[in-house]
Amino acid sequence: MNIRIGIVENENLYSIALQIILNNHPNMECVCAVQSVEDAITFLPHKNPDIILMDIDLGSGKKDGIDAIRELKSIIPSTLFLVITVFEDYNKVFEAIGAGELGYILKTSPPDKIIESILELQNGGSPMSPNIARLITQSFANITNLVVKDSYTNLLSKREKEILDMISNGKIEKEVADELFISVKTVKTHISNIYTKLQVHNRVDALNKYYGKFHS
């Protein structure tokens, strides 16, 4: 069964490019493409997409893509959200995650990375562009004396704790793999297991839950 995907993007040429990328994939189809928050709220719920690709900056309207995610989550809670944007701003990233997005990649990502991110999201992952992942994890790396919550001390394996500690210090998956002499795929598997054990869906929630809430 094809992955049904909606697009919320106000740049017409980029929206068309996304539609071509999706419709050329044998297991994906674009079921709806809109350019504003208002149209997203009006039309996307009727299409009930599996995943929505959401830009944050949707023009001059009062509401942006983050507002759209919040509203759509209440209407179609089973739909997953992948932010595709030009923003690398710390506050925007965390605001989007708080609104309920599960992935965050940049518009500069090549077509194969977009496809890979959609598949990862559909399979329970939390895809992020490396520089976005680094931005998030470095926010923890800048905090001294991280303390693990007692309730989670024995929940993770030694290797999982090691990987989560490396992530909290700003390492991305490739760097973790190189340092531990394991494959990136193995790192992804460990991260997936960490998410399952902590009952979270992304790096920020995993770090928050394991080390406790933080304030920037």
Protein backbone atom coordinates (compact mmCIF):
# COMPACT_ATOMS: atom_id res chain seq x y z
CA MET A 1 0.00 0.00 0.00
CA ASN A 2 1.33 3.42 -0.95
CA ILE A 3 2.30 6.00 1.65
CA ARG A 4 -0.23 8.80 1.27
CA ILE A 5 1.44 12.19 1.58
CA GLY A 6 0.17 15.75 1.85
CA ILE A 7 2.25 18.87 1.17
CA VAL A 8 1.93 22.31 2.77
CA GLU A 9 4.33 24.59 0.89
CA ASN A 10 3.80 28.12 -0.39
CA GLU A 11 6.70 28.08 -2.87
CA ASN A 12 4.99 26.72 -5.97
CA LEU A 13 8.09 25.45 -7.77
CA TYR A 14 9.35 23.61 -4.70
CA SER A 15 5.90 22.13 -4.11
CA ILE A 16 5.81 20.86 -7.69
CA ALA A 17 9.30 19.40 -7.28
CA LEU A 18 8.19 17.55 -4.14
CA GLN A 19 5.13 16.19 -5.92
CA ILE A 20 7.29 14.87 -8.76
CA ILE A 21 9.70 13.23 -6.30
CA LEU A 22 6.86 11.56 -4.41
CA ASN A 23 4.82 10.43 -7.41
CA ASN A 24 7.90 8.96 -9.08
CA HIS A 25 8.42 6.65 -6.10
CA PRO A 26 6.64 3.28 -6.48
CA ASN A 27 5.35 3.29 -2.89
CA MET A 28 4.37 6.93 -2.43
CA GLU A 29 1.71 9.28 -3.71
CA CYS A 30 0.94 12.93 -3.14
CA VAL A 31 -2.76 13.11 -2.27
CA CYS A 32 -2.99 16.86 -1.69
CA ALA A 33 -0.78 19.94 -2.00
CA VAL A 34 -1.79 23.29 -0.48
CA GLN A 35 -0.04 26.60 0.12
CA SER A 36 -1.54 28.03 3.33
CA VAL A 37 -2.48 27.07 6.87
CA GLU A 38 -6.14 27.75 6.12
CA ASP A 39 -6.17 25.42 3.11
CA ALA A 40 -4.25 22.81 5.07
CA ILE A 41 -6.90 22.79 7.80
CA THR A 42 -9.71 22.76 5.23
CA PHE A 43 -8.53 20.11 2.77
CA LEU A 44 -5.94 17.79 4.32
CA PRO A 45 -8.16 16.12 6.95
CA HIS A 46 -10.47 14.89 4.17
CA LYS A 47 -7.51 13.22 2.45
CA ASN A 48 -6.32 11.62 5.71
CA PRO A 49 -2.64 11.42 4.65
CA ASP A 50 -0.16 9.15 6.40
CA ILE A 51 2.45 11.90 6.38
CA ILE A 52 2.35 15.66 5.84
CA LEU A 53 5.41 17.53 4.57
CA MET A 54 5.19 20.93 6.23
CA ASP A 55 7.07 24.15 5.61
CA ILE A 56 7.26 26.55 8.57
CA ASP A 57 7.29 29.87 6.75
CA LEU A 58 4.10 30.01 4.70
CA GLY A 59 4.16 33.65 3.69
CA SER A 60 2.58 36.74 5.20
CA GLY A 61 -0.30 35.08 7.06
CA LYS A 62 -0.69 35.32 10.83
CA LYS A 63 -0.30 31.56 11.20
CA ASP A 64 2.72 29.50 10.19
CA GLY A 65 3.47 25.82 9.69
CA ILE A 66 3.88 25.24 13.41
CA ASP A 67 0.34 26.51 14.00
CA ALA A 68 -0.85 24.21 11.23
CA ILE A 69 0.78 21.19 12.87
CA ARG A 70 -0.89 21.97 16.20
CA GLU A 71 -4.33 22.29 14.62
CA LEU A 72 -4.00 19.30 12.31
CA LYS A 73 -2.75 17.05 15.13
CA SER A 74 -6.05 17.57 16.91
CA ILE A 75 -8.04 16.71 13.77
CA ILE A 76 -5.98 13.86 12.28
CA PRO A 77 -3.91 12.58 15.24
CA SER A 78 -2.59 9.51 13.42
CA THR A 79 -0.91 11.61 10.71
CA LEU A 80 2.86 12.07 10.99
CA PHE A 81 4.60 15.37 10.24
CA LEU A 82 7.92 16.00 8.52
CA VAL A 83 9.06 19.62 8.53
CA ILE A 84 10.92 20.61 5.36
CA THR A 85 12.16 24.16 5.67
CA VAL A 86 15.04 26.62 5.35
CA PHE A 87 15.01 27.36 9.08
CA GLU A 88 17.99 26.29 11.19
CA ASP A 89 16.89 28.47 14.09
CA TYR A 90 17.10 26.84 17.55
CA ASN A 91 13.77 28.24 18.73
CA LYS A 92 11.93 27.26 15.54
CA VAL A 93 13.24 23.70 15.75
CA PHE A 94 12.13 23.25 19.34
CA GLU A 95 8.80 24.97 18.75
CA ALA A 96 8.10 22.59 15.86
CA ILE A 97 9.01 19.57 17.98
CA GLY A 98 6.75 20.83 20.74
CA ALA A 99 3.90 21.19 18.26
CA GLY A 100 4.14 17.51 17.38
CA GLU A 101 6.42 17.12 14.39
CA LEU A 102 8.44 13.91 14.21
CA GLY A 103 11.08 14.84 11.65
CA TYR A 104 12.92 17.98 10.58
CA ILE A 105 14.98 18.31 7.41
CA LEU A 106 16.16 21.21 5.29
CA LYS A 107 15.02 22.21 1.82
CA THR A 108 18.59 21.77 0.66
CA SER A 109 18.21 18.02 1.24
CA PRO A 110 18.57 16.02 -2.01
CA PRO A 111 15.61 13.96 -3.32
CA ASP A 112 17.04 10.67 -2.03
CA LYS A 113 17.34 12.15 1.48
CA ILE A 114 13.71 13.32 1.36
CA ILE A 115 12.57 9.83 0.33
CA GLU A 116 14.79 8.24 2.99
CA SER A 117 13.36 10.57 5.66
CA ILE A 118 9.77 9.76 4.70
CA LEU A 119 10.46 6.03 4.89
CA GLU A 120 12.26 6.43 8.21
CA LEU A 121 9.34 8.41 9.63
CA GLN A 122 6.81 5.87 8.37
CA ASN A 123 8.83 3.11 10.05
CA GLY A 124 8.79 4.80 13.43
CA GLY A 125 11.97 6.87 13.21
CA SER A 126 12.61 10.55 13.73
CA PRO A 127 14.61 11.77 10.72
CA MET A 128 16.64 14.95 10.98
CA SER A 129 19.20 16.65 8.78
CA PRO A 130 22.67 16.24 10.38
CA ASN A 131 23.03 19.95 11.08
CA ILE A 132 19.59 20.06 12.72
CA ALA A 133 20.43 17.01 14.83
CA ARG A 134 23.68 18.69 15.83
CA LEU A 135 21.84 21.90 16.74
CA ILE A 136 19.53 19.95 19.03
CA THR A 137 22.15 17.79 20.67
CA GLN A 138 24.57 20.66 21.16
CA SER A 139 21.92 22.42 23.21
CA PHE A 140 22.43 19.59 25.68
CA ALA A 141 26.20 19.60 25.24
CA ASN A 142 26.22 23.22 26.41
CA ILE A 143 24.56 22.24 29.68
CA THR A 144 26.97 21.09 32.38
CA ASN A 145 26.29 18.41 34.99
CA LEU A 146 23.50 16.55 33.25
CA VAL A 147 21.91 14.24 35.82
CA VAL A 148 20.17 11.03 34.84
CA LYS A 149 16.73 10.56 36.34
CA ASP A 150 16.83 7.71 38.89
CA SER A 151 13.82 5.98 37.34
CA TYR A 152 15.71 5.42 34.06
CA THR A 153 19.15 4.47 35.42
CA ASN A 154 18.64 0.73 34.90
CA LEU A 155 16.30 0.95 31.95
CA LEU A 156 18.93 1.18 29.20
CA SER A 157 21.78 -1.18 28.39
CA LYS A 158 25.40 -0.10 28.84
CA ARG A 159 25.75 0.47 25.08
CA GLU A 160 22.48 2.42 24.89
CA LYS A 161 23.59 4.66 27.76
CA GLU A 162 26.92 5.18 26.01
CA ILE A 163 25.22 6.20 22.76
CA LEU A 164 22.73 8.50 24.49
CA ASP A 165 25.59 10.16 26.35
CA MET A 166 27.43 10.73 23.06
CA ILE A 167 24.27 12.21 21.53
CA SER A 168 23.92 14.54 24.52
CA ASN A 169 27.44 15.76 23.77
CA GLY A 170 26.58 16.78 20.24
CA LYS A 171 27.57 13.67 18.30
CA ILE A 172 25.59 12.73 15.20
CA GLU A 173 25.00 9.11 14.16
CA LYS A 174 28.01 8.89 11.82
CA GLU A 175 30.34 10.21 14.53
CA VAL A 176 28.93 7.77 17.09
CA ALA A 177 29.41 4.89 14.66
CA ASP A 178 33.01 5.88 13.88
CA GLU A 179 33.95 6.31 17.52
CA LEU A 180 32.41 2.98 18.60
CA PHE A 181 33.61 1.10 15.49
CA ILE A 182 30.09 0.01 14.57
CA SER A 183 27.88 0.70 11.55
CA VAL A 184 25.50 3.63 11.27
CA LYS A 185 22.71 1.06 10.88
CA THR A 186 23.64 -0.44 14.25
CA VAL A 187 23.61 3.01 15.83
CA LYS A 188 20.15 3.63 14.37
CA THR A 189 18.97 0.31 15.83
CA HIS A 190 20.27 1.25 19.28
CA ILE A 191 18.61 4.67 19.04
CA SER A 192 15.33 3.02 18.02
CA ASN A 193 15.59 0.73 21.06
CA ILE A 194 16.25 3.75 23.28
CA TYR A 195 13.12 5.43 21.91
CA THR A 196 11.08 2.30 22.59
CA LYS A 197 12.33 1.89 26.15
CA LEU A 198 11.82 5.55 27.00
CA GLN A 199 8.52 5.65 25.09
CA VAL A 200 9.54 8.64 22.99
CA HIS A 201 9.81 9.40 19.27
CA ASN A 202 12.73 11.81 18.89
CA ARG A 203 16.13 12.82 20.26
CA VAL A 204 14.89 15.81 22.21
CA ASP A 205 12.25 13.82 24.07
CA ALA A 206 14.75 11.01 24.75
CA LEU A 207 17.29 13.41 26.23
CA ASN A 208 14.62 15.30 28.17
CA LYS A 209 13.18 12.10 29.61
CA TYR A 210 16.51 10.52 30.51
CA TYR A 211 18.26 13.59 31.89
CA GLY A 212 15.23 15.63 32.92
CA LYS A 213 13.71 18.74 31.40
CA PHE A 214 16.06 21.55 30.54
CA HIS A 215 15.73 25.23 29.83
CA SER A 216 17.68 27.09 27.16
